[in-house]
Protein backbone atom coordinates (compact mmCIF):
# COMPACT_ATOMS: atom_id res chain seq x y z
CA MET A 1 -20.69 167.29 162.08
CA PHE A 2 -18.10 164.10 162.70
CA ASP A 3 -18.70 161.45 160.77
CA LEU A 4 -16.67 158.34 161.78
CA ARG A 5 -16.58 156.91 158.23
CA LEU A 6 -13.44 159.23 157.80
CA PRO A 7 -11.12 158.31 160.72
CA ALA A 8 -12.28 154.81 160.28
CA GLY A 9 -11.38 154.66 156.91
CA LEU A 10 -8.21 155.94 156.91
CA LEU A 11 -7.50 153.67 159.83
CA PHE A 12 -8.41 149.89 157.97
CA THR A 13 -6.61 151.56 154.84
CA LEU A 14 -3.35 152.22 156.40
CA ILE A 15 -3.90 148.73 158.28
CA GLY A 16 -4.81 146.76 154.99
CA LEU A 17 -1.83 148.42 153.29
CA LEU A 18 0.40 147.68 155.74
CA LEU A 19 -0.89 143.88 155.95
CA ALA A 20 -0.93 143.57 152.20
CA GLY A 21 2.40 144.85 151.77
CA PHE A 22 3.90 142.31 154.35
CA GLY A 23 1.92 139.38 152.20
CA VAL A 24 3.80 140.59 149.28
CA VAL A 25 7.24 140.38 150.89
CA SER A 26 6.66 137.63 153.08
CA PRO A 27 8.45 134.19 152.64
CA ALA A 28 6.29 131.22 151.18
CA GLU A 29 7.57 129.41 153.54
CA ILE A 30 5.69 130.78 156.42
CA TYR A 31 2.07 129.59 154.39
CA ARG A 32 2.67 126.05 154.51
CA ARG A 33 0.59 126.12 157.45
CA SER A 34 -2.44 127.73 155.90
CA PHE A 35 -2.02 125.24 152.46
CA GLY A 36 -0.01 127.68 150.75
CA LEU A 37 -2.65 130.49 150.77
CA ASN A 38 -1.01 133.71 151.50
CA VAL A 39 -3.51 135.04 154.29
CA ASN A 40 -1.73 138.03 154.80
CA LEU A 41 -2.14 139.04 151.45
CA ALA A 42 -5.61 138.10 150.93
CA TRP A 43 -6.92 139.87 154.48
CA GLY A 44 -4.60 142.82 153.81
CA LEU A 45 -6.50 143.33 150.18
CA VAL A 46 -9.89 142.75 152.12
CA VAL A 47 -9.13 145.25 154.96
CA LEU A 48 -8.07 148.29 152.35
CA ALA A 49 -11.24 147.40 149.90
CA PHE A 50 -13.33 148.08 153.51
CA GLY A 51 -11.46 150.80 154.64
CA LEU A 52 -11.46 152.50 150.81
CA VAL A 53 -15.32 151.52 150.85
CA MET A 54 -15.49 153.85 154.13
CA LEU A 55 -13.44 156.51 152.62
CA GLY A 56 -15.53 156.92 149.84
CA ALA A 57 -18.97 157.20 151.70
CA ALA A 58 -17.30 159.79 153.89
CA TRP A 59 -16.32 161.46 150.53
CA ARG A 60 -20.05 161.22 149.48
CA ALA A 61 -21.39 162.15 152.58
CA ARG A 62 -19.52 165.20 152.43
CA ARG A 63 -20.19 166.12 149.11
CA ARG A 64 -23.61 165.82 149.71
CA ALA A 65 -23.59 167.74 153.14
CA LEU A 66 -21.47 170.22 150.79
CA SER A 67 -24.46 170.26 148.11
CA ASP A 68 -27.01 170.76 150.29
CA ARG A 69 -25.89 174.41 151.66
């Protein structure tokens, strides 16, 4: 059975890594408009966490399905 959590988790994890990585290497001057808050890093970590939760849920479902056999 196809579990949508796996590709969605991979996609969100990849996008979160890219966004957080950009937030780490980008200059601080571009965050003046957002009161000095590194929005790319913050949201990159949020998206990364969501992707990892989705991957964890897919992994748990797969383990549960294999143990029920």
